[in-house]
Amino acid sequence: MLSLPAPLRHALRLRCPRCGAGRLFAGWFRMEPRCPSCGLDFRREPGFYLGSIYINYGVTALTTIALYGLLVLGAGCSAEQALAACLAVAVALPMWLFRYARAFLLAIDSSVNSEPSSAPGDTGGPLTDAQLSSHRVNDGQAGCAMGIALTLVLVFALLMAAVTLWFAVGPGSGGGVWDDGGLMEEPG
């Protein structure tokens, strides 16, 4: 039987990838700066944790697609019911997965790099508070840009859902057929 590497098992428990004892998060969205047990520095270069967005997005997209298919094809739900359920999952699941996506990204990084690499000319070891402060501006700008991009994706997805619902339950949806001009006509 296959077993997960220790850092990935620790990520499932939201624990330090090195020792498995220290907690990664001090709150729902706030990470500890370092492991309270072994001292592993959880701080990485600016923008490092933006990669967790891709993990979160991928899991959420696959889950909602599978859920829609199961509800419509398997359970016989209407498209509107399936879309409503998928919308609820698409809003709630990323918030729940936030910590796990970060934990898995840190675990993968810790598996590949036993310690964070240092920049040229650096003495090695964790970044000082002054070095971290100088990088926070870039991290904030990257986070802001990613937030704008994700907001645009969400707005597009909501518009597509609205168009789908309009065609499903809006005017002319009572069994109409497409004419040559692409417009809905009532049968008759």
N, C-alpha and C. Protein backbone atom coordinates (compact mmCIF):
# COMPACT_ATOMS: atom_id res chain seq x y z
N MET A 1 0.85 -1.19 0.00
CA MET A 1 0.00 0.00 0.00
C MET A 1 0.89 1.24 0.00
N LEU A 2 0.49 2.23 -0.80
CA LEU A 2 1.24 3.47 -0.88
C LEU A 2 0.94 4.35 0.32
N SER A 3 1.96 4.97 0.83
CA SER A 3 1.74 5.91 1.92
C SER A 3 2.32 7.27 1.52
N LEU A 4 1.69 8.30 2.00
CA LEU A 4 2.15 9.66 1.71
C LEU A 4 3.46 9.93 2.43
N PRO A 5 4.33 10.75 1.83
CA PRO A 5 5.53 11.18 2.55
C PRO A 5 5.12 11.95 3.81
N ALA A 6 5.99 11.92 4.80
CA ALA A 6 5.69 12.55 6.10
C ALA A 6 5.26 14.01 5.97
N PRO A 7 5.94 14.85 5.17
CA PRO A 7 5.48 16.25 5.09
C PRO A 7 4.04 16.39 4.60
N LEU A 8 3.62 15.53 3.67
CA LEU A 8 2.23 15.61 3.18
C LEU A 8 1.25 15.10 4.23
N ARG A 9 1.64 14.09 4.98
CA ARG A 9 0.78 13.64 6.09
C ARG A 9 0.64 14.74 7.13
N HIS A 10 1.74 15.44 7.39
CA HIS A 10 1.69 16.55 8.35
C HIS A 10 0.81 17.68 7.82
N ALA A 11 0.83 17.91 6.50
CA ALA A 11 0.00 18.96 5.90
C ALA A 11 -1.48 18.66 6.10
N LEU A 12 -1.86 17.39 6.01
CA LEU A 12 -3.26 17.02 6.24
C LEU A 12 -3.72 17.37 7.64
N ARG A 13 -2.77 17.39 8.58
CA ARG A 13 -3.10 17.73 9.97
C ARG A 13 -2.79 19.19 10.27
N LEU A 14 -2.37 19.96 9.25
CA LEU A 14 -2.00 21.38 9.39
C LEU A 14 -0.88 21.55 10.41
N ARG A 15 0.12 20.72 10.30
CA ARG A 15 1.28 20.74 11.20
C ARG A 15 2.55 21.04 10.42
N CYS A 16 3.60 21.33 11.15
CA CYS A 16 4.91 21.64 10.58
C CYS A 16 5.37 20.49 9.69
N PRO A 17 5.84 20.80 8.46
CA PRO A 17 6.27 19.72 7.57
C PRO A 17 7.53 19.00 8.06
N ARG A 18 8.34 19.66 8.89
CA ARG A 18 9.57 19.04 9.36
C ARG A 18 9.33 18.10 10.55
N CYS A 19 8.69 18.62 11.61
CA CYS A 19 8.56 17.83 12.83
C CYS A 19 7.18 17.22 13.01
N GLY A 20 6.16 17.80 12.39
CA GLY A 20 4.81 17.28 12.52
C GLY A 20 4.13 17.64 13.82
N ALA A 21 4.79 18.42 14.67
CA ALA A 21 4.22 18.75 15.98
C ALA A 21 3.67 20.18 16.03
N GLY A 22 4.41 21.14 15.49
CA GLY A 22 4.01 22.54 15.58
C GLY A 22 2.85 22.88 14.66
N ARG A 23 1.97 23.75 15.14
CA ARG A 23 0.82 24.18 14.34
C ARG A 23 1.27 25.20 13.30
N LEU A 24 0.69 25.11 12.10
CA LEU A 24 1.00 26.07 11.03
C LEU A 24 0.24 27.38 11.20
N PHE A 25 -0.95 27.32 11.77
CA PHE A 25 -1.82 28.49 11.81
C PHE A 25 -2.14 28.91 13.24
N ALA A 26 -2.10 30.24 13.45
CA ALA A 26 -2.47 30.80 14.75
C ALA A 26 -3.96 31.12 14.78
N GLY A 27 -4.56 31.28 13.64
CA GLY A 27 -5.99 31.54 13.49
C GLY A 27 -6.46 30.90 12.21
N TRP A 28 -7.66 31.28 11.76
CA TRP A 28 -8.17 30.66 10.55
C TRP A 28 -7.34 31.03 9.33
N PHE A 29 -6.93 32.30 9.21
CA PHE A 29 -6.19 32.76 8.04
C PHE A 29 -4.77 33.22 8.36
N ARG A 30 -4.36 33.24 9.61
CA ARG A 30 -3.04 33.77 9.98
C ARG A 30 -2.07 32.63 10.30
N MET A 31 -0.96 32.60 9.54
CA MET A 31 0.05 31.57 9.75
C MET A 31 1.00 31.99 10.87
N GLU A 32 1.51 31.01 11.56
CA GLU A 32 2.60 31.25 12.51
C GLU A 32 3.84 31.63 11.70
N PRO A 33 4.70 32.51 12.21
CA PRO A 33 5.92 32.84 11.47
C PRO A 33 6.92 31.67 11.43
N ARG A 34 6.95 30.89 12.50
CA ARG A 34 7.84 29.72 12.54
C ARG A 34 7.24 28.66 13.44
N CYS A 35 7.74 27.47 13.31
CA CYS A 35 7.21 26.35 14.09
C CYS A 35 7.53 26.55 15.56
N PRO A 36 6.53 26.50 16.43
CA PRO A 36 6.79 26.64 17.86
C PRO A 36 7.53 25.44 18.45
N SER A 37 7.58 24.34 17.72
CA SER A 37 8.22 23.14 18.24
C SER A 37 9.68 23.03 17.78
N CYS A 38 9.92 23.07 16.46
CA CYS A 38 11.29 22.86 15.96
C CYS A 38 11.94 24.13 15.43
N GLY A 39 11.18 25.22 15.29
CA GLY A 39 11.75 26.49 14.85
C GLY A 39 11.83 26.68 13.35
N LEU A 40 11.29 25.75 12.54
CA LEU A 40 11.32 25.91 11.09
C LEU A 40 10.61 27.20 10.71
N ASP A 41 11.28 28.02 9.91
CA ASP A 41 10.72 29.30 9.48
C ASP A 41 9.71 29.04 8.36
N PHE A 42 8.45 29.41 8.58
CA PHE A 42 7.41 29.22 7.58
C PHE A 42 7.39 30.36 6.57
N ARG A 43 8.11 31.44 6.86
CA ARG A 43 8.14 32.58 5.95
C ARG A 43 9.04 32.23 4.77
N ARG A 44 8.53 32.48 3.59
CA ARG A 44 9.29 32.25 2.37
C ARG A 44 9.39 33.57 1.63
N GLU A 45 9.89 33.51 0.40
CA GLU A 45 10.04 34.73 -0.38
C GLU A 45 8.66 35.34 -0.65
N PRO A 46 8.64 36.66 -0.93
CA PRO A 46 7.36 37.31 -1.20
C PRO A 46 6.63 36.63 -2.36
N GLY A 47 5.36 36.40 -2.18
CA GLY A 47 4.55 35.79 -3.21
C GLY A 47 4.58 34.27 -3.23
N PHE A 48 5.35 33.65 -2.34
CA PHE A 48 5.46 32.19 -2.33
C PHE A 48 4.10 31.53 -2.17
N TYR A 49 3.31 32.00 -1.23
CA TYR A 49 2.04 31.35 -0.93
C TYR A 49 0.95 31.65 -1.96
N LEU A 50 1.23 32.52 -2.94
CA LEU A 50 0.26 32.73 -4.01
C LEU A 50 0.07 31.44 -4.82
N GLY A 51 1.07 30.57 -4.80
CA GLY A 51 0.94 29.29 -5.49
C GLY A 51 -0.16 28.42 -4.92
N SER A 52 -0.50 28.65 -3.65
CA SER A 52 -1.57 27.85 -3.04
C SER A 52 -2.93 28.17 -3.67
N ILE A 53 -3.04 29.34 -4.29
CA ILE A 53 -4.28 29.71 -4.97
C ILE A 53 -4.58 28.71 -6.09
N TYR A 54 -3.53 28.28 -6.79
CA TYR A 54 -3.73 27.33 -7.90
C TYR A 54 -4.18 25.97 -7.39
N ILE A 55 -3.64 25.54 -6.26
CA ILE A 55 -4.07 24.29 -5.65
C ILE A 55 -5.55 24.41 -5.27
N ASN A 56 -5.88 25.50 -4.59
CA ASN A 56 -7.24 25.74 -4.14
C ASN A 56 -8.21 25.82 -5.33
N TYR A 57 -7.83 26.57 -6.35
CA TYR A 57 -8.69 26.74 -7.53
C TYR A 57 -8.90 25.40 -8.24
N GLY A 58 -7.84 24.63 -8.40
CA GLY A 58 -7.95 23.34 -9.08
C GLY A 58 -8.89 22.39 -8.36
N VAL A 59 -8.73 22.28 -7.05
CA VAL A 59 -9.59 21.39 -6.27
C VAL A 59 -11.04 21.88 -6.32
N THR A 60 -11.24 23.18 -6.20
CA THR A 60 -12.60 23.73 -6.23
C THR A 60 -13.25 23.52 -7.60
N ALA A 61 -12.50 23.77 -8.68
CA ALA A 61 -13.05 23.60 -10.02
C ALA A 61 -13.43 22.14 -10.27
N LEU A 62 -12.53 21.22 -9.94
CA LEU A 62 -12.82 19.80 -10.16
C LEU A 62 -14.01 19.34 -9.31
N THR A 63 -14.08 19.84 -8.07
CA THR A 63 -15.18 19.46 -7.19
C THR A 63 -16.52 19.95 -7.72
N THR A 64 -16.58 21.21 -8.16
CA THR A 64 -17.85 21.74 -8.65
C THR A 64 -18.27 21.09 -9.97
N ILE A 65 -17.30 20.79 -10.83
CA ILE A 65 -17.64 20.10 -12.09
C ILE A 65 -18.19 18.71 -11.79
N ALA A 66 -17.51 17.99 -10.90
CA ALA A 66 -17.98 16.64 -10.54
C ALA A 66 -19.34 16.71 -9.86
N LEU A 67 -19.53 17.69 -8.98
CA LEU A 67 -20.81 17.83 -8.29
C LEU A 67 -21.93 18.12 -9.27
N TYR A 68 -21.69 19.01 -10.22
CA TYR A 68 -22.71 19.33 -11.22
C TYR A 68 -23.09 18.08 -12.01
N GLY A 69 -22.08 17.34 -12.46
CA GLY A 69 -22.34 16.12 -13.21
C GLY A 69 -23.12 15.10 -12.40
N LEU A 70 -22.74 14.92 -11.14
CA LEU A 70 -23.45 13.97 -10.28
C LEU A 70 -24.90 14.39 -10.04
N LEU A 71 -25.10 15.68 -9.80
CA LEU A 71 -26.46 16.15 -9.51
C LEU A 71 -27.37 16.08 -10.73
N VAL A 72 -26.85 16.48 -11.89
CA VAL A 72 -27.69 16.52 -13.09
C VAL A 72 -27.84 15.13 -13.69
N LEU A 73 -26.73 14.43 -13.86
CA LEU A 73 -26.79 13.13 -14.53
C LEU A 73 -27.13 11.99 -13.59
N GLY A 74 -26.60 12.04 -12.37
CA GLY A 74 -26.80 10.93 -11.45
C GLY A 74 -28.05 11.04 -10.61
N ALA A 75 -28.28 12.22 -10.04
CA ALA A 75 -29.41 12.38 -9.12
C ALA A 75 -30.66 12.92 -9.82
N GLY A 76 -30.52 13.35 -11.07
CA GLY A 76 -31.67 13.85 -11.80
C GLY A 76 -32.14 15.22 -11.37
N CYS A 77 -31.29 16.01 -10.75
CA CYS A 77 -31.66 17.37 -10.35
C CYS A 77 -31.75 18.26 -11.58
N SER A 78 -32.49 19.34 -11.45
CA SER A 78 -32.57 20.31 -12.54
C SER A 78 -31.26 21.09 -12.61
N ALA A 79 -31.05 21.74 -13.75
CA ALA A 79 -29.84 22.53 -13.92
C ALA A 79 -29.77 23.67 -12.90
N GLU A 80 -30.93 24.26 -12.58
CA GLU A 80 -30.97 25.36 -11.61
C GLU A 80 -30.55 24.89 -10.23
N GLN A 81 -31.07 23.74 -9.81
CA GLN A 81 -30.71 23.20 -8.50
C GLN A 81 -29.22 22.86 -8.45
N ALA A 82 -28.72 22.27 -9.52
CA ALA A 82 -27.30 21.91 -9.56
C ALA A 82 -26.42 23.16 -9.54
N LEU A 83 -26.81 24.20 -10.29
CA LEU A 83 -26.03 25.44 -10.29
C LEU A 83 -26.04 26.10 -8.92
N ALA A 84 -27.18 26.09 -8.25
CA ALA A 84 -27.27 26.68 -6.91
C ALA A 84 -26.35 25.92 -5.94
N ALA A 85 -26.37 24.60 -6.00
CA ALA A 85 -25.50 23.81 -5.13
C ALA A 85 -24.03 24.05 -5.46
N CYS A 86 -23.71 24.12 -6.75
CA CYS A 86 -22.32 24.35 -7.15
C CYS A 86 -21.85 25.75 -6.75
N LEU A 87 -22.74 26.73 -6.83
CA LEU A 87 -22.38 28.09 -6.40
C LEU A 87 -22.06 28.11 -4.91
N ALA A 88 -22.88 27.44 -4.12
CA ALA A 88 -22.63 27.38 -2.67
C ALA A 88 -21.29 26.69 -2.38
N VAL A 89 -21.02 25.61 -3.08
CA VAL A 89 -19.75 24.89 -2.89
C VAL A 89 -18.58 25.76 -3.36
N ALA A 90 -18.75 26.46 -4.49
CA ALA A 90 -17.67 27.28 -5.03
C ALA A 90 -17.34 28.47 -4.14
N VAL A 91 -18.27 28.88 -3.29
CA VAL A 91 -18.00 29.97 -2.35
C VAL A 91 -17.41 29.43 -1.05
N ALA A 92 -17.96 28.35 -0.53
CA ALA A 92 -17.53 27.84 0.78
C ALA A 92 -16.24 27.02 0.73
N LEU A 93 -16.08 26.20 -0.30
CA LEU A 93 -14.94 25.29 -0.35
C LEU A 93 -13.59 26.00 -0.36
N PRO A 94 -13.38 27.08 -1.13
CA PRO A 94 -12.07 27.74 -1.10
C PRO A 94 -11.70 28.30 0.27
N MET A 95 -12.70 28.75 1.03
CA MET A 95 -12.39 29.25 2.38
C MET A 95 -11.93 28.12 3.28
N TRP A 96 -12.55 26.96 3.14
CA TRP A 96 -12.16 25.81 3.95
C TRP A 96 -10.80 25.27 3.49
N LEU A 97 -10.55 25.29 2.18
CA LEU A 97 -9.30 24.74 1.64
C LEU A 97 -8.10 25.67 1.79
N PHE A 98 -8.33 26.93 2.14
CA PHE A 98 -7.24 27.91 2.21
C PHE A 98 -6.05 27.39 2.99
N ARG A 99 -6.29 26.92 4.20
CA ARG A 99 -5.19 26.47 5.07
C ARG A 99 -4.54 25.20 4.53
N TYR A 100 -5.34 24.29 4.00
CA TYR A 100 -4.79 23.04 3.47
C TYR A 100 -3.94 23.28 2.23
N ALA A 101 -4.37 24.21 1.37
CA ALA A 101 -3.59 24.51 0.17
C ALA A 101 -2.23 25.10 0.54
N ARG A 102 -2.22 25.99 1.53
CA ARG A 102 -0.94 26.54 1.99
C ARG A 102 -0.08 25.46 2.64
N ALA A 103 -0.70 24.61 3.43
CA ALA A 103 0.05 23.54 4.10
C ALA A 103 0.66 22.59 3.08
N PHE A 104 -0.10 22.23 2.03
CA PHE A 104 0.43 21.33 1.01
C PHE A 104 1.55 21.99 0.22
N LEU A 105 1.42 23.29 -0.09
CA LEU A 105 2.48 23.99 -0.80
C LEU A 105 3.76 24.02 0.04
N LEU A 106 3.63 24.31 1.32
CA LEU A 106 4.78 24.32 2.21
C LEU A 106 5.38 22.92 2.35
N ALA A 107 4.53 21.90 2.40
CA ALA A 107 5.02 20.52 2.50
C ALA A 107 5.78 20.11 1.25
N ILE A 108 5.26 20.48 0.09
CA ILE A 108 5.96 20.15 -1.16
C ILE A 108 7.29 20.87 -1.21
N ASP A 109 7.31 22.16 -0.83
CA ASP A 109 8.56 22.91 -0.80
C ASP A 109 9.55 22.30 0.19
N SER A 110 9.06 21.89 1.34
CA SER A 110 9.95 21.30 2.34
C SER A 110 10.46 19.93 1.91
N SER A 111 9.68 19.21 1.10
CA SER A 111 10.14 17.92 0.59
C SER A 111 11.24 18.10 -0.44
N VAL A 112 11.10 19.13 -1.27
CA VAL A 112 12.09 19.37 -2.32
C VAL A 112 13.32 20.05 -1.75
N ASN A 113 13.11 21.05 -0.93
CA ASN A 113 14.20 21.81 -0.30
C ASN A 113 14.14 21.57 1.20
N SER A 114 15.16 20.93 1.73
CA SER A 114 15.12 20.65 3.17
C SER A 114 15.14 21.94 3.98
N GLU A 115 15.77 22.96 3.49
CA GLU A 115 15.76 24.29 4.10
C GLU A 115 15.57 25.30 2.99
N PRO A 116 14.92 26.43 3.25
CA PRO A 116 14.77 27.44 2.21
C PRO A 116 16.13 27.91 1.72
N SER A 117 16.25 28.06 0.40
CA SER A 117 17.52 28.50 -0.16
C SER A 117 17.74 29.97 0.14
N SER A 118 18.99 30.35 0.18
CA SER A 118 19.32 31.74 0.48
C SER A 118 19.70 32.46 -0.80
N ALA A 119 19.51 33.76 -0.79
CA ALA A 119 19.84 34.58 -1.95
C ALA A 119 21.35 34.74 -2.04
N PRO A 120 21.88 35.06 -3.25
CA PRO A 120 23.32 35.28 -3.37
C PRO A 120 23.77 36.40 -2.44
N GLY A 121 24.87 36.16 -1.76
CA GLY A 121 25.39 37.14 -0.82
C GLY A 121 24.77 37.04 0.55
N ASP A 122 23.80 36.21 0.73
CA ASP A 122 23.13 36.02 2.01
C ASP A 122 23.94 35.03 2.83
N THR A 123 23.89 35.18 4.11
CA THR A 123 24.64 34.28 4.98
C THR A 123 23.89 32.97 5.21
N GLY A 124 22.70 32.85 4.67
CA GLY A 124 21.90 31.65 4.88
C GLY A 124 20.99 31.84 6.07
N GLY A 125 20.16 30.88 6.31
CA GLY A 125 19.24 30.95 7.44
C GLY A 125 18.03 31.78 7.12
N PRO A 126 17.17 31.97 8.10
CA PRO A 126 15.92 32.71 7.86
C PRO A 126 16.19 34.19 7.62
N LEU A 127 15.26 34.83 6.94
CA LEU A 127 15.36 36.26 6.69
C LEU A 127 15.16 37.03 7.99
N THR A 128 15.85 38.13 8.09
CA THR A 128 15.65 38.99 9.26
C THR A 128 14.35 39.75 9.09
N ASP A 129 13.89 40.36 10.18
CA ASP A 129 12.66 41.15 10.10
C ASP A 129 12.81 42.32 9.15
N ALA A 130 14.01 42.93 9.11
CA ALA A 130 14.24 44.05 8.20
C ALA A 130 14.15 43.59 6.74
N GLN A 131 14.72 42.41 6.44
CA GLN A 131 14.64 41.88 5.08
C GLN A 131 13.20 41.57 4.70
N LEU A 132 12.46 40.99 5.63
CA LEU A 132 11.06 40.68 5.35
C LEU A 132 10.25 41.95 5.13
N SER A 133 10.52 43.00 5.91
CA SER A 133 9.79 44.26 5.76
C SER A 133 10.02 44.85 4.38
N SER A 134 11.25 44.75 3.87
CA SER A 134 11.54 45.32 2.56
C SER A 134 10.82 44.56 1.44
N HIS A 135 10.47 43.31 1.67
CA HIS A 135 9.79 42.52 0.65
C HIS A 135 8.27 42.61 0.74
N ARG A 136 7.74 43.12 1.83
CA ARG A 136 6.29 43.12 2.02
C ARG A 136 5.55 43.97 0.99
N VAL A 137 6.19 45.05 0.52
CA VAL A 137 5.54 45.91 -0.47
C VAL A 137 5.30 45.11 -1.75
N ASN A 138 6.33 44.39 -2.22
CA ASN A 138 6.17 43.59 -3.43
C ASN A 138 5.13 42.50 -3.23
N ASP A 139 5.12 41.89 -2.07
CA ASP A 139 4.15 40.84 -1.77
C ASP A 139 2.73 41.41 -1.79
N GLY A 140 2.58 42.60 -1.22
CA GLY A 140 1.27 43.24 -1.22
C GLY A 140 0.79 43.58 -2.62
N GLN A 141 1.71 44.07 -3.47
CA GLN A 141 1.34 44.38 -4.85
C GLN A 141 0.95 43.11 -5.61
N ALA A 142 1.71 42.04 -5.41
CA ALA A 142 1.39 40.78 -6.08
C ALA A 142 0.05 40.25 -5.59
N GLY A 143 -0.20 40.35 -4.29
CA GLY A 143 -1.47 39.90 -3.74
C GLY A 143 -2.63 40.72 -4.26
N CYS A 144 -2.43 42.03 -4.40
CA CYS A 144 -3.48 42.90 -4.92
C CYS A 144 -3.79 42.55 -6.37
N ALA A 145 -2.75 42.35 -7.18
CA ALA A 145 -2.96 41.98 -8.59
C ALA A 145 -3.68 40.65 -8.69
N MET A 146 -3.30 39.69 -7.86
CA MET A 146 -3.96 38.39 -7.89
C MET A 146 -5.41 38.52 -7.43
N GLY A 147 -5.66 39.37 -6.44
CA GLY A 147 -7.02 39.59 -5.98
C GLY A 147 -7.90 40.19 -7.08
N ILE A 148 -7.35 41.14 -7.82
CA ILE A 148 -8.10 41.74 -8.93
C ILE A 148 -8.40 40.69 -10.00
N ALA A 149 -7.39 39.88 -10.34
CA ALA A 149 -7.58 38.85 -11.36
C ALA A 149 -8.64 37.84 -10.92
N LEU A 150 -8.59 37.41 -9.67
CA LEU A 150 -9.58 36.44 -9.18
C LEU A 150 -10.97 37.05 -9.10
N THR A 151 -11.05 38.34 -8.79
CA THR A 151 -12.35 39.02 -8.77
C THR A 151 -12.95 39.06 -10.17
N LEU A 152 -12.12 39.34 -11.17
CA LEU A 152 -12.61 39.34 -12.55
C LEU A 152 -13.08 37.96 -12.98
N VAL A 153 -12.35 36.92 -12.57
CA VAL A 153 -12.77 35.55 -12.88
C VAL A 153 -14.10 35.25 -12.21
N LEU A 154 -14.25 35.65 -10.95
CA LEU A 154 -15.51 35.42 -10.24
C LEU A 154 -16.67 36.15 -10.89
N VAL A 155 -16.45 37.41 -11.28
CA VAL A 155 -17.51 38.18 -11.94
C VAL A 155 -17.91 37.51 -13.25
N PHE A 156 -16.92 37.06 -14.02
CA PHE A 156 -17.20 36.37 -15.27
C PHE A 156 -18.01 35.10 -15.02
N ALA A 157 -17.61 34.33 -14.01
CA ALA A 157 -18.32 33.08 -13.68
C ALA A 157 -19.76 33.37 -13.26
N LEU A 158 -19.96 34.42 -12.46
CA LEU A 158 -21.31 34.77 -12.03
C LEU A 158 -22.17 35.23 -13.22
N LEU A 159 -21.56 35.98 -14.14
CA LEU A 159 -22.30 36.40 -15.33
C LEU A 159 -22.69 35.19 -16.18
N MET A 160 -21.77 34.24 -16.32
CA MET A 160 -22.09 33.03 -17.08
C MET A 160 -23.20 32.23 -16.41
N ALA A 161 -23.17 32.16 -15.08
CA ALA A 161 -24.23 31.46 -14.35
C ALA A 161 -25.56 32.18 -14.54
N ALA A 162 -25.54 33.52 -14.52
CA ALA A 162 -26.77 34.29 -14.71
C ALA A 162 -27.34 34.07 -16.10
N VAL A 163 -26.47 34.05 -17.11
CA VAL A 163 -26.93 33.80 -18.48
C VAL A 163 -27.53 32.41 -18.59
N THR A 164 -26.86 31.43 -17.98
CA THR A 164 -27.37 30.05 -18.01
C THR A 164 -28.74 29.97 -17.35
N LEU A 165 -28.88 30.60 -16.19
CA LEU A 165 -30.17 30.59 -15.50
C LEU A 165 -31.24 31.33 -16.30
N TRP A 166 -30.86 32.44 -16.95
CA TRP A 166 -31.83 33.18 -17.74
C TRP A 166 -32.37 32.33 -18.87
N PHE A 167 -31.47 31.59 -19.54
CA PHE A 167 -31.93 30.72 -20.62
C PHE A 167 -32.72 29.53 -20.09
N ALA A 168 -32.41 29.10 -18.87
CA ALA A 168 -33.09 27.93 -18.32
C ALA A 168 -34.48 28.27 -17.78
N VAL A 169 -34.63 29.43 -17.13
CA VAL A 169 -35.91 29.75 -16.50
C VAL A 169 -36.49 31.08 -16.95
N GLY A 170 -35.79 31.80 -17.81
CA GLY A 170 -36.24 33.12 -18.23
C GLY A 170 -37.35 33.07 -19.26
N PRO A 171 -37.71 34.23 -19.81
CA PRO A 171 -38.78 34.30 -20.80
C PRO A 171 -38.46 33.42 -22.00
N GLY A 172 -39.46 32.71 -22.46
CA GLY A 172 -39.27 31.88 -23.64
C GLY A 172 -38.62 30.54 -23.37
N SER A 173 -38.49 30.17 -22.11
CA SER A 173 -37.84 28.90 -21.82
C SER A 173 -38.81 27.74 -21.76
N GLY A 174 -40.08 27.99 -21.98
CA GLY A 174 -41.08 26.93 -21.86
C GLY A 174 -41.13 26.03 -23.07
N GLY A 175 -40.06 25.39 -23.40
CA GLY A 175 -40.05 24.42 -24.49
C GLY A 175 -39.87 25.06 -25.85
N GLY A 176 -39.32 26.27 -25.89
CA GLY A 176 -39.10 26.93 -27.17
C GLY A 176 -38.05 26.21 -27.99
N VAL A 177 -37.98 26.56 -29.27
CA VAL A 177 -37.00 25.96 -30.17
C VAL A 177 -36.19 27.07 -30.80
N TRP A 178 -34.99 26.74 -31.26
CA TRP A 178 -34.13 27.72 -31.90
C TRP A 178 -34.55 27.88 -33.36
N ASP A 179 -34.69 29.13 -33.81
CA ASP A 179 -34.95 29.34 -35.23
C ASP A 179 -33.63 29.59 -35.94
N ASP A 180 -33.68 29.86 -37.22
CA ASP A 180 -32.45 30.05 -37.98
C ASP A 180 -31.66 31.27 -37.52
N GLY A 181 -32.32 32.25 -36.94
CA GLY A 181 -31.64 33.44 -36.48
C GLY A 181 -31.04 33.29 -35.09
N GLY A 182 -31.20 32.14 -34.47
CA GLY A 182 -30.65 31.90 -33.14
C GLY A 182 -31.52 32.43 -32.02
N LEU A 183 -32.75 32.84 -32.33
CA LEU A 183 -33.64 33.36 -31.30
C LEU A 183 -34.63 32.31 -30.87
N MET A 184 -35.12 32.45 -29.67
CA MET A 184 -36.07 31.50 -29.12
C MET A 184 -37.47 31.80 -29.65
N GLU A 185 -38.16 30.77 -30.09
CA GLU A 185 -39.55 30.93 -30.52
C GLU A 185 -40.41 29.99 -29.71
N GLU A 186 -41.59 30.44 -29.40
CA GLU A 186 -42.55 29.58 -28.73
C GLU A 186 -43.12 28.59 -29.74
N PRO A 187 -43.26 27.31 -29.36
CA PRO A 187 -43.85 26.36 -30.31
C PRO A 187 -45.31 26.71 -30.58
N GLY A 188 -45.74 26.43 -31.75
CA GLY A 188 -47.14 26.73 -31.96
C GLY A 188 -47.52 26.68 -33.33
